[in-house]
Amino acid sequence: MRPKTLNFEQLVKQNKQELLKDEMSIKQIELRLEKKHNKYLLQKKRSDSDKLNV
């Protein structure tokens, strides 16, 4: 089966949609990473605090 040929405008539109989708995916990954990093920092702070209280 041969893929459908697209004209220039259709290709531009498709590429733009793919870029927007990729951007959303990147933002979601960044948010997850930020949450994990904040959680790590909080745990580290608690751990350091516990070491001082010993």
PDB file of N, CA and C in Angstrom:
ATOM      1  N   MET A   1       0.842  -1.184   0.000  1.00  0.00           N
ATOM      2  CA  MET A   1       0.000   0.000   0.000  1.00  0.00           C
ATOM      3  C   MET A   1       0.890   1.251   0.000  1.00  0.00           C
ATOM      4  N   ARG A   2       0.607   2.119  -0.892  1.00  0.00           N
ATOM      5  CA  ARG A   2       1.415   3.327  -1.059  1.00  0.00           C
ATOM      6  C   ARG A   2       0.850   4.454  -0.189  1.00  0.00           C
ATOM      7  N   PRO A   3       1.723   5.182   0.536  1.00  0.00           N
ATOM      8  CA  PRO A   3       1.214   6.282   1.357  1.00  0.00           C
ATOM      9  C   PRO A   3       0.624   7.404   0.508  1.00  0.00           C
ATOM     10  N   LYS A   4      -0.343   8.078   1.072  1.00  0.00           N
ATOM     11  CA  LYS A   4      -0.988   9.178   0.368  1.00  0.00           C
ATOM     12  C   LYS A   4      -0.001  10.333   0.222  1.00  0.00           C
ATOM     13  N   THR A   5       0.044  10.935  -0.952  1.00  0.00           N
ATOM     14  CA  THR A   5       0.935  12.074  -1.158  1.00  0.00           C
ATOM     15  C   THR A   5       0.265  13.331  -0.607  1.00  0.00           C
ATOM     16  N   LEU A   6       1.073  14.182   0.020  1.00  0.00           N
ATOM     17  CA  LEU A   6       0.550  15.412   0.589  1.00  0.00           C
ATOM     18  C   LEU A   6       1.157  16.611  -0.133  1.00  0.00           C
ATOM     19  N   ASN A   7       0.362  17.656  -0.246  1.00  0.00           N
ATOM     20  CA  ASN A   7       0.931  18.870  -0.833  1.00  0.00           C
ATOM     21  C   ASN A   7       1.695  19.625   0.247  1.00  0.00           C
ATOM     22  N   PHE A   8       2.345  20.695  -0.140  1.00  0.00           N
ATOM     23  CA  PHE A   8       3.217  21.432   0.772  1.00  0.00           C
ATOM     24  C   PHE A   8       2.453  21.926   2.003  1.00  0.00           C
ATOM     25  N   GLU A   9       1.281  22.519   1.797  1.00  0.00           N
ATOM     26  CA  GLU A   9       0.496  23.062   2.906  1.00  0.00           C
ATOM     27  C   GLU A   9       0.092  21.958   3.887  1.00  0.00           C
ATOM     28  N   GLN A  10      -0.264  20.815   3.355  1.00  0.00           N
ATOM     29  CA  GLN A  10      -0.648  19.694   4.212  1.00  0.00           C
ATOM     30  C   GLN A  10       0.555  19.203   5.029  1.00  0.00           C
ATOM     31  N   LEU A  11       1.706  19.161   4.392  1.00  0.00           N
ATOM     32  CA  LEU A  11       2.920  18.754   5.097  1.00  0.00           C
ATOM     33  C   LEU A  11       3.265  19.732   6.214  1.00  0.00           C
ATOM     34  N   VAL A  12       3.151  21.016   5.922  1.00  0.00           N
ATOM     35  CA  VAL A  12       3.429  22.037   6.931  1.00  0.00           C
ATOM     36  C   VAL A  12       2.461  21.874   8.097  1.00  0.00           C
ATOM     37  N   LYS A  13       1.202  21.703   7.802  1.00  0.00           N
ATOM     38  CA  LYS A  13       0.187  21.535   8.847  1.00  0.00           C
ATOM     39  C   LYS A  13       0.470  20.283   9.681  1.00  0.00           C
ATOM     40  N   GLN A  14       0.793  19.192   9.016  1.00  0.00           N
ATOM     41  CA  GLN A  14       1.094  17.946   9.718  1.00  0.00           C
ATOM     42  C   GLN A  14       2.328  18.115  10.605  1.00  0.00           C
ATOM     43  N   ASN A  15       3.362  18.733  10.088  1.00  0.00           N
ATOM     44  CA  ASN A  15       4.580  18.951  10.864  1.00  0.00           C
ATOM     45  C   ASN A  15       4.318  19.840  12.069  1.00  0.00           C
ATOM     46  N   LYS A  16       3.502  20.864  11.868  1.00  0.00           N
ATOM     47  CA  LYS A  16       3.170  21.768  12.978  1.00  0.00           C
ATOM     48  C   LYS A  16       2.423  21.001  14.068  1.00  0.00           C
ATOM     49  N   GLN A  17       1.483  20.162  13.690  1.00  0.00           N
ATOM     50  CA  GLN A  17       0.734  19.359  14.661  1.00  0.00           C
ATOM     51  C   GLN A  17       1.664  18.413  15.413  1.00  0.00           C
ATOM     52  N   GLU A  18       2.586  17.808  14.705  1.00  0.00           N
ATOM     53  CA  GLU A  18       3.538  16.898  15.345  1.00  0.00           C
ATOM     54  C   GLU A  18       4.448  17.652  16.317  1.00  0.00           C
ATOM     55  N   LEU A  19       4.865  18.842  15.940  1.00  0.00           N
ATOM     56  CA  LEU A  19       5.704  19.656  16.824  1.00  0.00           C
ATOM     57  C   LEU A  19       4.945  20.061  18.086  1.00  0.00           C
ATOM     58  N   LEU A  20       3.695  20.431  17.936  1.00  0.00           N
ATOM     59  CA  LEU A  20       2.886  20.799  19.097  1.00  0.00           C
ATOM     60  C   LEU A  20       2.691  19.600  20.026  1.00  0.00           C
ATOM     61  N   LYS A  21       2.475  18.451  19.427  1.00  0.00           N
ATOM     62  CA  LYS A  21       2.326  17.221  20.219  1.00  0.00           C
ATOM     63  C   LYS A  21       3.627  16.911  20.963  1.00  0.00           C
ATOM     64  N   ASP A  22       4.748  17.045  20.262  1.00  0.00           N
ATOM     65  CA  ASP A  22       6.057  16.814  20.886  1.00  0.00           C
ATOM     66  C   ASP A  22       6.292  17.801  22.023  1.00  0.00           C
ATOM     67  N   GLU A  23       5.911  19.047  21.802  1.00  0.00           N
ATOM     68  CA  GLU A  23       6.093  20.072  22.827  1.00  0.00           C
ATOM     69  C   GLU A  23       5.295  19.728  24.089  1.00  0.00           C
ATOM     70  N   MET A  24       4.083  19.260  23.894  1.00  0.00           N
ATOM     71  CA  MET A  24       3.260  18.863  25.044  1.00  0.00           C
ATOM     72  C   MET A  24       3.897  17.689  25.783  1.00  0.00           C
ATOM     73  N   SER A  25       4.415  16.737  25.043  1.00  0.00           N
ATOM     74  CA  SER A  25       5.082  15.590  25.659  1.00  0.00           C
ATOM     75  C   SER A  25       6.303  16.033  26.465  1.00  0.00           C
ATOM     76  N   ILE A  26       7.063  16.948  25.909  1.00  0.00           N
ATOM     77  CA  ILE A  26       8.254  17.458  26.599  1.00  0.00           C
ATOM     78  C   ILE A  26       7.852  18.176  27.876  1.00  0.00           C
ATOM     79  N   LYS A  27       6.804  18.977  27.814  1.00  0.00           N
ATOM     80  CA  LYS A  27       6.337  19.691  29.007  1.00  0.00           C
ATOM     81  C   LYS A  27       5.908  18.715  30.098  1.00  0.00           C
ATOM     82  N   GLN A  28       5.234  17.654  29.704  1.00  0.00           N
ATOM     83  CA  GLN A  28       4.816  16.649  30.688  1.00  0.00           C
ATOM     84  C   GLN A  28       6.031  15.978  31.326  1.00  0.00           C
ATOM     85  N   ILE A  29       7.011  15.659  30.528  1.00  0.00           N
ATOM     86  CA  ILE A  29       8.233  15.035  31.050  1.00  0.00           C
ATOM     87  C   ILE A  29       8.951  16.007  31.988  1.00  0.00           C
ATOM     88  N   GLU A  30       9.021  17.269  31.601  1.00  0.00           N
ATOM     89  CA  GLU A  30       9.667  18.272  32.457  1.00  0.00           C
ATOM     90  C   GLU A  30       8.948  18.390  33.801  1.00  0.00           C
ATOM     91  N   LEU A  31       7.623  18.371  33.775  1.00  0.00           N
ATOM     92  CA  LEU A  31       6.860  18.463  35.017  1.00  0.00           C
ATOM     93  C   LEU A  31       7.120  17.261  35.915  1.00  0.00           C
ATOM     94  N   ARG A  32       7.136  16.084  35.330  1.00  0.00           N
ATOM     95  CA  ARG A  32       7.415  14.873  36.119  1.00  0.00           C
ATOM     96  C   ARG A  32       8.819  14.922  36.710  1.00  0.00           C
ATOM     97  N   LEU A  33       9.760  15.365  35.912  1.00  0.00           N
ATOM     98  CA  LEU A  33      11.141  15.475  36.378  1.00  0.00           C
ATOM     99  C   LEU A  33      11.254  16.495  37.514  1.00  0.00           C
ATOM    100  N   GLU A  34      10.578  17.609  37.364  1.00  0.00           N
ATOM    101  CA  GLU A  34      10.600  18.636  38.403  1.00  0.00           C
ATOM    102  C   GLU A  34      10.000  18.105  39.708  1.00  0.00           C
ATOM    103  N   LYS A  35       8.909  17.368  39.609  1.00  0.00           N
ATOM    104  CA  LYS A  35       8.295  16.782  40.804  1.00  0.00           C
ATOM    105  C   LYS A  35       9.250  15.805  41.483  1.00  0.00           C
ATOM    106  N   LYS A  36       9.876  14.962  40.684  1.00  0.00           N
ATOM    107  CA  LYS A  36      10.823  13.993  41.252  1.00  0.00           C
ATOM    108  C   LYS A  36      12.006  14.707  41.891  1.00  0.00           C
ATOM    109  N   HIS A  37      12.483  15.754  41.251  1.00  0.00           N
ATOM    110  CA  HIS A  37      13.620  16.501  41.780  1.00  0.00           C
ATOM    111  C   HIS A  37      13.240  17.172  43.110  1.00  0.00           C
ATOM    112  N   ASN A  38      12.063  17.776  43.160  1.00  0.00           N
ATOM    113  CA  ASN A  38      11.603  18.411  44.396  1.00  0.00           C
ATOM    114  C   ASN A  38      11.427  17.388  45.509  1.00  0.00           C
ATOM    115  N   LYS A  39      10.916  16.240  45.167  1.00  0.00           N
ATOM    116  CA  LYS A  39      10.757  15.172  46.155  1.00  0.00           C
ATOM    117  C   LYS A  39      12.126  14.734  46.686  1.00  0.00           C
ATOM    118  N   TYR A  40      13.081  14.600  45.789  1.00  0.00           N
ATOM    119  CA  TYR A  40      14.435  14.228  46.189  1.00  0.00           C
ATOM    120  C   TYR A  40      15.035  15.273  47.124  1.00  0.00           C
ATOM    121  N   LEU A  41      14.882  16.548  46.751  1.00  0.00           N
ATOM    122  CA  LEU A  41      15.429  17.618  47.585  1.00  0.00           C
ATOM    123  C   LEU A  41      14.789  17.630  48.969  1.00  0.00           C
ATOM    124  N   LEU A  42      13.507  17.395  49.027  1.00  0.00           N
ATOM    125  CA  LEU A  42      12.811  17.351  50.307  1.00  0.00           C
ATOM    126  C   LEU A  42      13.317  16.189  51.158  1.00  0.00           C
ATOM    127  N   GLN A  43      13.488  15.035  50.549  1.00  0.00           N
ATOM    128  CA  GLN A  43      14.003  13.877  51.280  1.00  0.00           C
ATOM    129  C   GLN A  43      15.430  14.129  51.752  1.00  0.00           C
ATOM    130  N   LYS A  44      16.228  14.747  50.909  1.00  0.00           N
ATOM    131  CA  LYS A  44      17.614  15.055  51.278  1.00  0.00           C
ATOM    132  C   LYS A  44      17.642  16.041  52.443  1.00  0.00           C
ATOM    133  N   LYS A  45      16.791  17.037  52.387  1.00  0.00           N
ATOM    134  CA  LYS A  45      16.722  18.029  53.461  1.00  0.00           C
ATOM    135  C   LYS A  45      16.321  17.357  54.777  1.00  0.00           C
ATOM    136  N   ARG A  46      15.336  16.464  54.710  1.00  0.00           N
ATOM    137  CA  ARG A  46      14.913  15.743  55.915  1.00  0.00           C
ATOM    138  C   ARG A  46      16.038  14.862  56.437  1.00  0.00           C
ATOM    139  N   SER A  47      16.721  14.204  55.527  1.00  0.00           N
ATOM    140  CA  SER A  47      17.826  13.326  55.914  1.00  0.00           C
ATOM    141  C   SER A  47      18.940  14.143  56.579  1.00  0.00           C
ATOM    142  N   ASP A  48      19.270  15.265  55.991  1.00  0.00           N
ATOM    143  CA  ASP A  48      20.308  16.130  56.571  1.00  0.00           C
ATOM    144  C   ASP A  48      19.869  16.664  57.934  1.00  0.00           C
ATOM    145  N   SER A  49      18.614  16.968  58.033  1.00  0.00           N
ATOM    146  CA  SER A  49      18.069  17.455  59.298  1.00  0.00           C
ATOM    147  C   SER A  49      18.140  16.376  60.366  1.00  0.00           C
ATOM    148  N   ASP A  50      17.829  15.153  59.979  1.00  0.00           N
ATOM    149  CA  ASP A  50      17.888  14.028  60.923  1.00  0.00           C
ATOM    150  C   ASP A  50      19.327  13.796  61.396  1.00  0.00           C
ATOM    151  N   LYS A  51      20.266  13.977  60.514  1.00  0.00           N
ATOM    152  CA  LYS A  51      21.687  13.771  60.887  1.00  0.00           C
ATOM    153  C   LYS A  51      22.120  14.816  61.921  1.00  0.00           C
ATOM    154  N   LEU A  52      21.600  16.012  61.803  1.00  0.00           N
ATOM    155  CA  LEU A  52      21.948  17.067  62.764  1.00  0.00           C
ATOM    156  C   LEU A  52      21.322  16.821  64.123  1.00  0.00           C
ATOM    157  N   ASN A  53      20.191  16.162  64.151  1.00  0.00           N
ATOM    158  CA  ASN A  53      19.472  15.923  65.406  1.00  0.00           C
ATOM    159  C   ASN A  53      19.982  14.716  66.166  1.00  0.00           C
ATOM    160  N   VAL A  54      20.917  14.002  65.583  1.00  0.00           N
ATOM    161  CA  VAL A  54      21.431  12.784  66.246  1.00  0.00           C
ATOM    162  C   VAL A  54      22.426  13.103  67.292  1.00  0.00           C
TER     163      VAL A  54
END
